Amino acid sequence: MPRGTDCGVEKMKENKKKTYRRTKENGTNTMEKSPSVYVAILCVWALCVVVLLTGCAKIVYQLFTEEFTTETVGIAVAVVTLLLLNAAMLSYMWLGSVKDFMFSLLFLFGKKRLLKRYDPIIRQTKEDTMSALKAKFGNQNGAAPRVLLLYCTCNDFNAEALTACMQQDYENFHTVILDDSTEDGYKQKIDEFAAVHQDAVTLVRRENRVGFKAGNLNNYLTNRTDYDYFVVLDSDERIPSDYISEALKYYAYDENVGVVQAAHKATKGGNLFQNLMGLSVKSNGKICQVMKNFYGSNALIGHGMMISRECFEATHGFPQVVAEDISFAVDVKNSGFRVLYAPNIVCEEEFPVNYLCLKKRQAKWVQGNVEFMKKYNRSITDSKMTWYEKMDVKLSHYNLPIIPMMSFFIIVCTIALGFLGYDVSRYSLMIVGLMLLFLISPLIPDFFVHGRSKNLLKLLGYAFLNFVVYASLVPMMIGTVSLALFGKKAKFIVTPKEEKRISVREALRGSLDSILFAAIVGILTYGTYFSLAPTVLMVVCCTLTPIAILVANLPVPKQKQSGKLAA
């Protein structure tokens, strides 16, 4: 059973009674959520579905009145069934696309108003923050809250990144390296780092590696009381020097806050793939996470987040699953605490160095999200989240495994319609237009955030590469979801961090599944329609996979790191 459902701690009962802590400035909590945006999303989506169903009704009418005779009524029924199946799957897929589109559009017009709601938190002085937190802990004359920086690593140690994280303008913190490495080379590097920083760093290794990253964290934190807050860092994480002092403001502002999730942007990579694809990290934080903070369910990304000891104890620790971050967010909510997103705290992380590394990370995410659906669906449904928070959680995390499977079934239905003699190119222009609009909807935040850049060529290159990369990953995701549904246990796959030149042979080997998928789909489509038009986008993207892989061989100048990260 998912954790966080047993609220036996007295403090949690108090937190449930206090929905929000009123601020002295305006008498209200500026972090209150509203269902208004999701109401608008559902209205727009309903209009789109009406257009789709109207088009389907017209097609069905034509089929039974103009094209099919009584002798071919069976074929007509089969065609209508497949068309309706396609319409149902498109309708679901459009819901997520409408959400992406509306989040971006409404943020564009309401950006200043939304970000202004953070002012009561951000404008707190350090003295006011410390005074509020000391009062909370009954420690008016003592030390500031004790904070731990927990650096999680498993065969991917980055001394430069950890050193940058340790340059905090806050005094009462300590760094702990939680090392699950199995390779002697990495262990030696970590030992050397810990020896150099022995006064500031504690090194912890466990005998077993049960529970992946979550088990590593739980192993150290369980039954500890020598801290008030802890920060989870990934191996490539770089937090700004004022991270701790800024994150604590959120806890001083609202007593119900259990987790503060910082914003992120990608460190400028050393190759063209990493440089272009990393653009999505910043735009996701700039738009999607801010909108979720006020109109949806706050997401956790597993790093760059500060958690209070009260919250950790109330949830009984991290759930030992692959997707421990999104699962923990549900437990936090069920335990009476809140997750707040902090756009003013901008951390850096490295985007996967090449397509092959991204493919491994995507496989982990898909496995983790399927496991999350299985274990947490009941917990989400029965939780005290609002209806729109529940919808946001499911759209955000269920779609990763669901959309590739639906895309596959739509392709199957399209080919089957061709075998039955029906040409799907007869779909109305309105439906085709909506399909194209929603196909590019995930890229809308990227164009809003990076659109003012004078480097239009770079943005267009990103859009093209993004289409190729994520469309070509569909065959892998279909296989991963299928295996998970048949009982294969999710594995925590560590994303490789080392950059290396990729040979043409390696590129072809790494894209074999995508090329094979493109060949099968292309042959079947052409065999039924004498054209590739119905599935051309998928076929082309999968065929171009080797190019997407080899893009990582093109170097770009690396960005110099600074102690204070720029927003």
Protein backbone atom coordinates (compact mmCIF):
# COMPACT_ATOMS: atom_id res chain seq x y z
CA MET A 1 0.00 0.00 0.00
CA PRO A 2 1.36 3.48 -0.87
CA ARG A 3 2.87 5.38 2.00
CA GLY A 4 1.68 8.60 3.54
CA THR A 5 -1.91 7.49 4.17
CA ASP A 6 -1.48 6.96 7.93
CA CYS A 7 -1.48 10.39 9.58
CA GLY A 8 -0.77 9.27 13.12
CA VAL A 9 1.49 12.18 13.86
CA GLU A 10 -0.23 14.89 15.88
CA LYS A 11 1.41 17.60 13.87
CA MET A 12 -0.31 16.29 10.75
CA LYS A 13 -3.70 16.64 12.41
CA GLU A 14 -2.91 20.26 13.19
CA ASN A 15 -1.80 20.86 9.61
CA LYS A 16 -5.04 19.46 8.24
CA LYS A 17 -7.04 21.91 10.35
CA LYS A 18 -4.90 24.83 9.14
CA THR A 19 -5.54 24.78 5.40
CA TYR A 20 -3.20 27.70 4.82
CA ARG A 21 -1.17 29.97 7.03
CA ARG A 22 -2.36 33.56 6.61
CA THR A 23 0.32 36.05 5.78
CA LYS A 24 0.67 39.32 7.67
CA GLU A 25 0.91 41.26 4.45
CA ASN A 26 -2.50 40.69 2.88
CA GLY A 27 -4.38 38.25 5.09
CA THR A 28 -4.47 35.47 2.49
CA ASN A 29 -2.15 32.76 1.26
CA THR A 30 -1.00 33.69 -2.24
CA MET A 31 -0.23 30.03 -3.04
CA GLU A 32 -3.89 28.99 -3.08
CA LYS A 33 -4.91 26.79 -6.00
CA SER A 34 -7.86 27.31 -8.34
CA PRO A 35 -9.80 24.97 -10.67
CA SER A 36 -10.44 27.76 -13.20
CA VAL A 37 -7.77 26.73 -15.71
CA TYR A 38 -8.83 23.08 -15.74
CA VAL A 39 -12.45 24.18 -16.26
CA ALA A 40 -11.25 26.16 -19.30
CA ILE A 41 -9.18 23.18 -20.49
CA LEU A 42 -12.19 20.86 -20.33
CA CYS A 43 -14.38 23.38 -22.19
CA VAL A 44 -11.87 23.79 -25.03
CA TRP A 45 -11.30 20.04 -25.16
CA ALA A 46 -15.07 19.42 -25.34
CA LEU A 47 -15.33 21.77 -28.34
CA CYS A 48 -12.49 19.89 -30.06
CA VAL A 49 -14.19 16.56 -29.40
CA VAL A 50 -17.45 17.93 -30.86
CA VAL A 51 -15.56 18.86 -34.03
CA LEU A 52 -14.06 15.37 -34.17
CA LEU A 53 -17.37 13.62 -33.57
CA THR A 54 -19.11 15.83 -36.13
CA GLY A 55 -16.52 14.81 -38.69
CA CYS A 56 -16.96 11.16 -37.73
CA ALA A 57 -20.75 11.43 -38.01
CA LYS A 58 -20.42 12.89 -41.50
CA ILE A 59 -18.10 10.08 -42.54
CA VAL A 60 -20.43 7.42 -41.11
CA TYR A 61 -23.40 8.96 -42.92
CA GLN A 62 -21.51 8.93 -46.22
CA LEU A 63 -20.45 5.33 -45.70
CA PHE A 64 -23.96 3.98 -45.21
CA THR A 65 -25.73 6.20 -47.75
CA GLU A 66 -23.26 6.52 -50.60
CA GLU A 67 -20.45 3.98 -50.63
CA PHE A 68 -21.54 0.65 -49.21
CA THR A 69 -24.35 -1.64 -50.34
CA THR A 70 -26.26 -4.20 -48.33
CA GLU A 71 -23.75 -6.82 -49.45
CA THR A 72 -20.83 -4.86 -47.94
CA VAL A 73 -22.51 -3.75 -44.74
CA GLY A 74 -20.11 -5.92 -42.73
CA ILE A 75 -17.15 -3.98 -44.10
CA ALA A 76 -18.96 -0.72 -43.33
CA VAL A 77 -19.47 -1.78 -39.71
CA ALA A 78 -15.80 -2.70 -39.40
CA VAL A 79 -14.73 0.65 -40.88
CA VAL A 80 -17.02 2.59 -38.55
CA THR A 81 -15.75 0.63 -35.55
CA LEU A 82 -12.13 1.39 -36.41
CA LEU A 83 -12.93 5.06 -37.07
CA LEU A 84 -14.66 5.36 -33.71
CA LEU A 85 -11.74 3.65 -31.97
CA ASN A 86 -9.38 6.14 -33.60
CA ALA A 87 -11.66 9.00 -32.59
CA ALA A 88 -11.78 7.81 -28.98
CA MET A 89 -7.99 7.52 -28.77
CA LEU A 90 -7.47 10.88 -30.48
CA SER A 91 -9.92 12.47 -28.04
CA TYR A 92 -7.91 11.24 -25.08
CA MET A 93 -4.61 12.32 -26.62
CA TRP A 94 -6.06 15.75 -27.36
CA LEU A 95 -6.91 16.26 -23.69
CA GLY A 96 -3.23 16.30 -22.76
CA SER A 97 -2.44 18.48 -25.76
CA VAL A 98 -5.16 20.98 -24.85
CA LYS A 99 -3.71 21.13 -21.35
CA ASP A 100 -0.22 21.89 -22.71
CA PHE A 101 -1.64 24.51 -25.08
CA MET A 102 -3.82 26.22 -22.45
CA PHE A 103 -1.06 26.21 -19.81
CA SER A 104 1.25 27.98 -22.25
CA LEU A 105 -1.35 30.40 -23.57
CA LEU A 106 -2.69 31.44 -20.16
CA PHE A 107 0.81 31.80 -18.74
CA LEU A 108 1.73 34.06 -21.65
CA PHE A 109 -1.11 36.45 -20.81
CA GLY A 110 -0.93 36.11 -17.01
CA LYS A 111 2.81 35.78 -16.39
CA LYS A 112 3.27 38.99 -14.39
CA ARG A 113 0.23 38.37 -12.22
CA LEU A 114 1.25 34.78 -11.48
CA LEU A 115 4.86 35.53 -10.62
CA LYS A 116 3.78 38.48 -8.46
CA ARG A 117 2.02 36.00 -6.18
CA TYR A 118 5.46 34.82 -5.09
CA ASP A 119 6.43 38.30 -3.84
CA PRO A 120 5.34 37.80 -0.18
CA ILE A 121 7.70 34.80 -0.02
CA ILE A 122 10.64 36.11 -2.01
CA ARG A 123 10.68 39.53 -0.33
CA GLN A 124 11.09 38.10 3.16
CA THR A 125 14.35 39.19 4.74
CA LYS A 126 16.77 36.63 6.10
CA GLU A 127 16.08 37.93 9.60
CA ASP A 128 12.31 37.46 9.24
CA THR A 129 12.81 33.96 7.85
CA MET A 130 15.09 32.88 10.68
CA SER A 131 12.83 34.45 13.30
CA ALA A 132 9.78 32.55 11.97
CA LEU A 133 11.65 29.23 11.76
CA LYS A 134 13.23 29.57 15.19
CA ALA A 135 9.78 30.26 16.63
CA LYS A 136 8.49 27.17 14.84
CA PHE A 137 11.17 24.99 16.42
CA GLY A 138 11.02 26.79 19.79
CA ASN A 139 14.61 27.86 19.35
CA GLN A 140 14.45 31.66 19.58
CA ASN A 141 17.96 32.16 20.92
CA GLY A 142 19.67 29.13 19.37
CA ALA A 143 21.10 28.14 16.01
CA ALA A 144 19.38 28.37 12.66
CA PRO A 145 17.70 25.20 11.32
CA ARG A 146 20.11 22.38 10.52
CA VAL A 147 20.13 21.47 6.80
CA LEU A 148 21.68 18.43 5.11
CA LEU A 149 22.79 18.32 1.48
CA LEU A 150 22.33 14.69 0.44
CA TYR A 151 24.33 13.92 -2.70
CA CYS A 152 23.15 10.65 -4.25
CA THR A 153 25.54 8.87 -6.57
CA CYS A 154 25.94 5.49 -8.24
CA ASN A 155 28.90 5.23 -10.61
CA ASP A 156 28.48 8.84 -11.76
CA PHE A 157 30.35 11.10 -9.33
CA ASN A 158 30.86 14.75 -10.38
CA ALA A 159 33.28 16.55 -8.04
CA GLU A 160 32.84 19.90 -9.82
CA ALA A 161 29.06 19.84 -9.42
CA LEU A 162 29.20 18.86 -5.74
CA THR A 163 31.77 21.55 -4.99
CA ALA A 164 29.48 24.14 -6.58
CA CYS A 165 26.56 22.92 -4.43
CA MET A 166 28.60 23.32 -1.26
CA GLN A 167 29.21 27.05 -1.84
CA GLN A 168 26.20 28.13 0.23
CA ASP A 169 25.66 31.51 1.89
CA TYR A 170 24.04 29.64 4.80
CA GLU A 171 26.18 28.40 7.68
CA ASN A 172 24.34 25.60 9.46
CA PHE A 173 24.47 22.88 6.81
CA HIS A 174 26.43 19.69 6.23
CA THR A 175 27.05 17.61 3.09
CA VAL A 176 26.55 13.85 3.00
CA ILE A 177 27.58 11.68 0.05
CA LEU A 178 25.31 8.65 -0.24
CA ASP A 179 27.37 6.38 -2.44
CA ASP A 180 25.86 3.30 -4.08
CA SER A 181 28.72 2.94 -6.57
CA THR A 182 29.94 -0.51 -7.57
CA GLU A 183 32.93 0.52 -9.69
CA ASP A 184 36.26 0.93 -7.90
CA GLY A 185 37.23 3.96 -10.01
CA TYR A 186 34.27 5.98 -8.81
CA LYS A 187 34.70 4.82 -5.23
CA GLN A 188 38.29 6.02 -5.27
CA LYS A 189 37.30 9.46 -6.60
CA ILE A 190 34.66 9.78 -3.90
CA ASP A 191 37.07 8.68 -1.17
CA GLU A 192 39.58 11.29 -2.30
CA PHE A 193 36.95 14.03 -2.36
CA ALA A 194 35.68 13.11 1.12
CA ALA A 195 39.26 13.12 2.47
CA VAL A 196 39.94 16.61 1.11
CA HIS A 197 36.65 17.93 2.56
CA GLN A 198 36.59 15.77 5.70
CA ASP A 199 35.29 18.56 7.96
CA ALA A 200 32.41 19.45 5.66
CA VAL A 201 31.52 16.06 4.15
CA THR A 202 30.35 12.71 5.50
CA LEU A 203 30.60 9.63 3.27
CA VAL A 204 28.02 6.87 3.71
CA ARG A 205 27.89 3.51 1.94
CA ARG A 206 25.39 0.75 2.67
CA GLU A 207 25.86 -2.99 2.59
CA ASN A 208 22.95 -3.62 0.25
CA ARG A 209 21.44 -1.51 -2.52
CA VAL A 210 17.79 -2.39 -1.98
CA GLY A 211 15.21 0.17 -3.05
CA PHE A 212 17.27 2.09 -5.59
CA LYS A 213 17.75 5.81 -4.88
CA ALA A 214 14.82 5.86 -2.44
CA GLY A 215 16.39 3.04 -0.42
CA ASN A 216 19.69 4.92 -0.36
CA LEU A 217 18.00 8.01 1.10
CA ASN A 218 15.88 6.04 3.56
CA ASN A 219 18.91 4.10 4.76
CA TYR A 220 20.55 7.31 5.94
CA LEU A 221 17.54 9.34 7.09
CA THR A 222 15.40 6.81 8.94
CA ASN A 223 15.37 7.40 12.71
CA ARG A 224 17.68 10.44 12.45
CA THR A 225 16.74 13.58 14.35
CA ASP A 226 19.90 15.65 13.95
CA TYR A 227 18.51 17.78 11.12
CA ASP A 228 15.48 19.94 10.31
CA TYR A 229 15.57 19.91 6.50
CA PHE A 230 17.44 18.04 3.81
CA VAL A 231 18.13 18.73 0.13
CA VAL A 232 18.27 15.92 -2.43
CA LEU A 233 21.03 16.37 -5.02
CA ASP A 234 21.70 14.29 -8.11
CA SER A 235 25.24 13.66 -9.28
CA ASP A 236 25.11 16.40 -11.94
CA GLU A 237 23.16 18.89 -9.80
CA ARG A 238 24.36 22.46 -9.35
CA ILE A 239 22.34 24.53 -6.91
CA PRO A 240 22.85 28.31 -6.51
CA SER A 241 24.75 29.68 -3.52
CA ASP A 242 21.54 31.06 -1.99
CA TYR A 243 19.55 27.84 -2.43
CA ILE A 244 19.14 27.03 1.27
CA SER A 245 18.37 30.57 2.42
CA GLU A 246 15.81 31.06 -0.38
CA ALA A 247 14.14 27.65 0.07
CA LEU A 248 13.70 28.23 3.81
CA LYS A 249 11.57 31.29 3.04
CA TYR A 250 8.83 28.97 1.78
CA TYR A 251 8.78 27.10 5.09
CA ALA A 252 8.68 30.35 7.04
CA TYR A 253 5.76 31.55 4.91
CA ASP A 254 3.54 28.47 5.16
CA GLU A 255 3.63 25.94 8.00
CA ASN A 256 2.00 23.31 5.78
CA VAL A 257 4.89 23.18 3.30
CA GLY A 258 6.63 19.82 3.30
CA VAL A 259 8.66 20.04 0.08
CA VAL A 260 10.08 22.93 -1.92
CA GLN A 261 10.94 22.02 -5.50
CA ALA A 262 13.42 24.36 -7.24
CA ALA A 263 13.36 25.28 -10.92
CA HIS A 264 15.97 23.89 -13.28
CA LYS A 265 17.69 24.67 -16.52
CA ALA A 266 20.11 22.55 -18.50
CA THR A 267 23.83 23.20 -18.32
CA LYS A 268 25.03 24.09 -21.79
CA GLY A 269 26.33 20.79 -23.12
CA GLY A 270 29.49 20.03 -24.98
CA ASN A 271 27.75 18.69 -28.10
CA LEU A 272 24.92 19.80 -30.38
CA PHE A 273 22.45 17.13 -29.21
CA GLN A 274 22.80 18.06 -25.55
CA ASN A 275 22.82 21.77 -26.36
CA LEU A 276 19.61 21.71 -28.38
CA MET A 277 17.57 19.16 -26.45
CA GLY A 278 18.44 20.82 -23.13
CA LEU A 279 16.28 23.81 -24.08
CA SER A 280 13.20 21.90 -22.90
CA VAL A 281 14.35 21.82 -19.26
CA LYS A 282 14.14 25.58 -18.75
CA SER A 283 10.82 26.02 -20.57
CA ASN A 284 9.20 23.26 -18.54
CA GLY A 285 10.15 25.08 -15.34
CA LYS A 286 9.30 28.54 -16.59
CA ILE A 287 5.74 27.67 -17.63
CA CYS A 288 4.44 24.19 -16.82
CA GLN A 289 5.60 23.96 -13.20
CA VAL A 290 4.42 27.48 -12.33
CA MET A 291 0.98 26.73 -13.78
CA LYS A 292 0.82 23.43 -11.89
CA ASN A 293 1.71 25.28 -8.68
CA PHE A 294 -1.50 27.34 -8.91
CA TYR A 295 -3.83 25.29 -11.10
CA GLY A 296 -2.73 21.66 -10.92
CA SER A 297 -0.69 19.25 -8.84
CA ASN A 298 2.91 20.14 -8.05
CA ALA A 299 5.39 17.68 -9.46
CA LEU A 300 8.70 16.55 -7.99
CA ILE A 301 11.65 15.76 -10.22
CA GLY A 302 13.72 13.83 -7.66
CA HIS A 303 16.46 16.41 -7.12
CA GLY A 304 16.90 20.09 -6.33
CA MET A 305 14.21 19.70 -3.67
CA MET A 306 14.24 20.54 0.04
CA ILE A 307 12.18 18.38 2.42
CA SER A 308 11.36 18.93 6.07
CA ARG A 309 12.00 16.23 8.65
CA GLU A 310 8.33 16.44 9.72
CA CYS A 311 7.23 15.65 6.19
CA PHE A 312 9.71 12.79 5.77
CA GLU A 313 8.59 11.18 9.02
CA ALA A 314 4.89 11.62 8.24
CA THR A 315 5.26 9.88 4.89
CA HIS A 316 7.40 7.12 6.46
CA GLY A 317 10.19 7.85 4.00
CA PHE A 318 10.50 7.57 0.26
CA PRO A 319 8.54 4.79 -1.48
CA GLN A 320 11.11 2.28 -2.75
CA VAL A 321 10.02 2.33 -6.37
CA VAL A 322 11.73 3.51 -9.56
CA ALA A 323 9.69 6.73 -9.82
CA GLU A 324 10.18 7.65 -6.17
CA ASP A 325 9.78 11.39 -6.89
CA ILE A 326 6.25 11.42 -8.35
CA SER A 327 5.17 8.71 -5.87
CA PHE A 328 6.54 10.69 -2.92
CA ALA A 329 4.60 13.77 -4.08
CA VAL A 330 1.34 11.82 -3.70
CA ASP A 331 2.39 10.63 -0.24
CA VAL A 332 3.22 14.20 0.78
CA LYS A 333 -0.27 15.35 -0.17
CA ASN A 334 -1.92 12.41 1.60
CA SER A 335 0.06 13.21 4.75
CA GLY A 336 -1.34 16.72 5.06
CA PHE A 337 1.65 18.60 3.65
CA ARG A 338 2.11 20.72 0.54
CA VAL A 339 4.61 20.81 -2.28
CA LEU A 340 5.51 24.30 -3.48
CA TYR A 341 7.38 25.16 -6.64
CA ALA A 342 10.05 27.85 -6.34
CA PRO A 343 10.74 29.53 -9.72
CA ASN A 344 13.13 32.03 -8.13
CA ILE A 345 15.57 29.22 -7.21
CA VAL A 346 17.18 28.07 -10.47
CA CYS A 347 19.44 25.01 -10.40
CA GLU A 348 21.35 23.42 -13.24
CA GLU A 349 21.37 19.84 -14.44
CA GLU A 350 22.90 18.09 -17.42
CA PHE A 351 20.63 16.86 -20.18
CA PRO A 352 21.62 13.33 -21.34
CA VAL A 353 24.78 13.62 -23.41
CA ASN A 354 23.38 11.79 -26.44
CA TYR A 355 20.37 9.98 -27.86
CA LEU A 356 21.46 6.58 -26.51
CA CYS A 357 21.68 7.95 -22.95
CA LEU A 358 18.31 9.67 -23.33
CA LYS A 359 16.84 6.39 -24.54
CA LYS A 360 17.97 4.68 -21.33
CA ARG A 361 16.52 7.46 -19.20
CA GLN A 362 13.26 7.35 -21.11
CA ALA A 363 13.07 3.58 -20.60
CA LYS A 364 13.50 4.09 -16.86
CA TRP A 365 10.81 6.76 -16.79
CA VAL A 366 8.35 4.60 -18.73
CA GLN A 367 8.93 1.62 -16.43
CA GLY A 368 8.63 3.84 -13.38
CA ASN A 369 5.41 5.45 -14.56
CA VAL A 370 3.78 2.10 -15.32
CA GLU A 371 4.74 0.95 -11.82
CA PHE A 372 3.34 4.25 -10.46
CA MET A 373 0.03 3.68 -12.26
CA LYS A 374 -0.28 0.18 -10.82
CA LYS A 375 0.61 1.06 -7.24
CA TYR A 376 -0.74 4.58 -6.86
CA ASN A 377 -3.93 4.78 -8.94
CA ARG A 378 -6.13 3.82 -5.99
CA SER A 379 -4.22 6.14 -3.65
CA ILE A 380 -4.70 9.08 -6.04
CA THR A 381 -8.37 8.33 -6.61
CA ASP A 382 -9.09 8.05 -2.86
CA SER A 383 -6.86 10.95 -1.81
CA LYS A 384 -8.05 14.32 -0.57
CA MET A 385 -6.67 16.05 -3.63
CA THR A 386 -9.11 18.23 -5.51
CA TRP A 387 -10.60 16.82 -8.71
CA TYR A 388 -8.36 18.96 -10.89
CA GLU A 389 -5.23 17.98 -8.96
CA LYS A 390 -6.06 14.32 -9.51
CA MET A 391 -6.64 14.98 -13.20
CA ASP A 392 -3.34 16.84 -13.47
CA VAL A 393 -1.40 14.02 -11.78
CA LYS A 394 -2.84 11.42 -14.12
CA LEU A 395 -2.42 13.48 -17.28
CA SER A 396 1.15 14.37 -16.34
CA HIS A 397 2.37 10.89 -15.41
CA TYR A 398 0.02 8.36 -16.99
CA ASN A 399 0.42 9.79 -20.48
CA LEU A 400 4.09 8.83 -20.77
CA PRO A 401 3.27 5.12 -21.16
CA ILE A 402 -0.29 5.56 -22.51
CA ILE A 403 0.36 7.90 -25.46
CA PRO A 404 2.93 5.64 -27.22
CA MET A 405 0.54 2.70 -26.93
CA MET A 406 -2.36 4.74 -28.31
CA SER A 407 -0.14 6.01 -31.14
CA PHE A 408 0.65 2.39 -32.01
CA PHE A 409 -3.02 1.37 -31.99
CA ILE A 410 -3.94 4.37 -34.15
CA ILE A 411 -1.31 3.27 -36.69
CA VAL A 412 -2.71 -0.29 -36.58
CA CYS A 413 -6.26 1.01 -37.08
CA THR A 414 -5.12 3.26 -39.93
CA ILE A 415 -3.46 0.37 -41.75
CA ALA A 416 -6.49 -1.86 -41.12
CA LEU A 417 -8.76 0.82 -42.63
CA GLY A 418 -6.59 0.76 -45.73
CA PHE A 419 -6.99 -3.02 -46.03
CA LEU A 420 -10.75 -2.52 -45.81
CA GLY A 421 -10.63 -0.04 -48.67
CA TYR A 422 -11.13 3.17 -46.73
CA ASP A 423 -8.73 6.09 -47.30
CA VAL A 424 -8.14 8.01 -44.05
CA SER A 425 -7.04 11.04 -46.06
CA ARG A 426 -10.74 11.81 -46.30
CA TYR A 427 -10.72 13.11 -42.75
CA SER A 428 -11.95 16.69 -42.79
CA LEU A 429 -9.41 19.50 -42.95
CA MET A 430 -10.63 20.74 -39.56
CA ILE A 431 -9.72 17.43 -37.90
CA VAL A 432 -6.34 17.30 -39.64
CA GLY A 433 -5.67 20.89 -38.57
CA LEU A 434 -6.45 20.09 -34.94
CA MET A 435 -4.24 17.00 -35.10
CA LEU A 436 -1.29 19.04 -36.36
CA LEU A 437 -1.87 21.78 -33.77
CA PHE A 438 -1.94 19.35 -30.89
CA LEU A 439 1.00 17.39 -32.27
CA ILE A 440 3.22 20.44 -31.75
CA SER A 441 1.59 21.52 -28.47
CA PRO A 442 4.39 20.08 -26.27
CA LEU A 443 6.79 22.44 -28.05
CA ILE A 444 4.70 25.56 -27.36
CA PRO A 445 6.35 26.31 -23.97
CA ASP A 446 9.76 26.07 -25.65
CA PHE A 447 8.81 28.65 -28.28
CA PHE A 448 7.34 30.98 -25.64
CA VAL A 449 10.46 30.81 -23.46
CA HIS A 450 13.12 30.78 -26.17
CA GLY A 451 11.19 32.54 -28.94
CA ARG A 452 12.65 35.96 -28.16
CA SER A 453 16.10 34.63 -28.83
CA LYS A 454 17.65 36.02 -31.99
CA ASN A 455 18.90 32.55 -32.85
CA LEU A 456 15.82 31.36 -34.74
CA LEU A 457 17.86 28.72 -36.56
CA LYS A 458 18.75 27.09 -33.25
CA LEU A 459 15.10 27.01 -32.19
CA LEU A 460 14.02 25.46 -35.47
CA GLY A 461 16.83 22.91 -35.18
CA TYR A 462 15.60 22.06 -31.68
CA ALA A 463 12.01 21.61 -32.91
CA PHE A 464 13.08 19.30 -35.74
CA LEU A 465 15.40 17.25 -33.52
CA ASN A 466 12.72 17.03 -30.82
CA PHE A 467 10.21 15.57 -33.30
CA VAL A 468 12.69 13.01 -34.57
CA VAL A 469 13.94 11.99 -31.12
CA TYR A 470 10.65 11.47 -29.31
CA ALA A 471 8.80 9.96 -32.26
CA SER A 472 11.66 7.50 -32.81
CA LEU A 473 11.52 6.49 -29.14
CA VAL A 474 7.94 5.24 -29.54
CA PRO A 475 8.95 1.66 -30.56
CA MET A 476 11.15 1.34 -27.46
CA MET A 477 8.37 2.69 -25.25
CA ILE A 478 5.81 0.31 -26.77
CA GLY A 479 8.08 -2.62 -25.97
CA THR A 480 8.83 -1.34 -22.47
CA VAL A 481 5.15 -0.84 -21.62
CA SER A 482 4.22 -4.25 -23.04
CA LEU A 483 6.86 -6.01 -20.93
CA ALA A 484 5.75 -4.09 -17.84
CA LEU A 485 2.13 -5.07 -18.40
CA PHE A 486 3.21 -8.72 -18.63
CA GLY A 487 4.89 -8.53 -15.24
CA LYS A 488 8.46 -7.39 -15.84
CA LYS A 489 9.63 -5.50 -12.76
CA ALA A 490 10.76 -1.91 -13.15
CA LYS A 491 14.52 -1.32 -12.92
CA PHE A 492 16.31 1.81 -11.83
CA ILE A 493 18.57 2.53 -14.81
CA VAL A 494 21.40 4.99 -14.13
CA THR A 495 21.67 7.41 -17.05
CA PRO A 496 25.26 7.33 -18.38
CA LYS A 497 27.05 10.68 -18.06
CA GLU A 498 30.28 10.10 -19.98
CA GLU A 499 30.51 11.72 -23.37
CA LYS A 500 32.13 9.74 -26.20
CA ARG A 501 32.23 9.75 -29.97
CA ILE A 502 29.64 7.45 -31.53
CA SER A 503 30.53 5.43 -34.63
CA VAL A 504 28.15 4.90 -37.53
CA ARG A 505 27.93 1.21 -36.60
CA GLU A 506 26.92 2.11 -33.02
CA ALA A 507 24.35 4.57 -34.35
CA LEU A 508 22.79 1.93 -36.60
CA ARG A 509 22.80 -0.63 -33.79
CA GLY A 510 21.19 1.86 -31.40
CA SER A 511 18.45 2.71 -33.89
CA LEU A 512 17.71 -0.82 -35.10
CA ASP A 513 14.34 -1.06 -33.34
CA SER A 514 13.21 2.32 -34.73
CA ILE A 515 14.36 1.56 -38.29
CA LEU A 516 12.71 -1.88 -38.22
CA PHE A 517 9.49 -0.32 -36.91
CA ALA A 518 9.60 2.31 -39.69
CA ALA A 519 10.16 -0.37 -42.34
CA ILE A 520 7.22 -2.52 -41.19
CA VAL A 521 4.84 0.43 -40.83
CA GLY A 522 6.00 1.91 -44.15
CA ILE A 523 5.60 -1.33 -46.10
CA LEU A 524 2.14 -2.01 -44.64
CA THR A 525 0.99 1.57 -45.23
CA TYR A 526 2.21 1.65 -48.82
CA GLY A 527 0.76 -1.79 -49.43
CA THR A 528 -2.70 -0.57 -48.44
CA TYR A 529 -2.75 3.06 -49.63
CA PHE A 530 -0.02 3.04 -52.32
CA SER A 531 1.25 6.03 -50.38
CA LEU A 532 3.11 6.72 -47.11
CA ALA A 533 0.99 9.79 -46.35
CA PRO A 534 -1.08 8.33 -43.44
CA THR A 535 2.02 7.37 -41.40
CA VAL A 536 4.72 9.49 -43.02
CA LEU A 537 5.67 11.44 -39.88
CA MET A 538 6.36 8.32 -37.83
CA VAL A 539 8.17 6.57 -40.68
CA VAL A 540 10.42 9.54 -41.42
CA CYS A 541 11.28 10.24 -37.77
CA CYS A 542 12.16 6.60 -37.06
CA THR A 543 14.23 6.40 -40.24
CA LEU A 544 16.22 9.48 -39.20
CA THR A 545 17.17 7.99 -35.83
CA PRO A 546 20.85 7.38 -36.80
CA ILE A 547 21.15 11.08 -37.68
CA ALA A 548 19.74 12.04 -34.26
CA ILE A 549 22.32 9.77 -32.64
CA LEU A 550 25.26 11.13 -34.63
CA VAL A 551 24.34 14.77 -33.86
CA ALA A 552 26.08 14.20 -30.51
CA ASN A 553 29.39 14.02 -32.37
CA LEU A 554 29.14 17.72 -33.29
CA PRO A 555 30.91 19.74 -30.56
CA VAL A 556 29.88 23.16 -29.21
CA PRO A 557 31.82 25.39 -26.79
CA LYS A 558 31.06 24.50 -23.17
CA GLN A 559 29.63 27.07 -20.79
CA LYS A 560 31.77 28.11 -17.86
CA GLN A 561 30.24 27.46 -14.45
CA SER A 562 29.95 30.14 -11.82
CA GLY A 563 29.33 30.01 -8.10
CA LYS A 564 26.05 31.93 -8.41
CA LEU A 565 23.88 30.36 -11.10
CA ALA A 566 22.07 32.75 -13.36
CA ALA A 567 18.33 32.44 -13.81
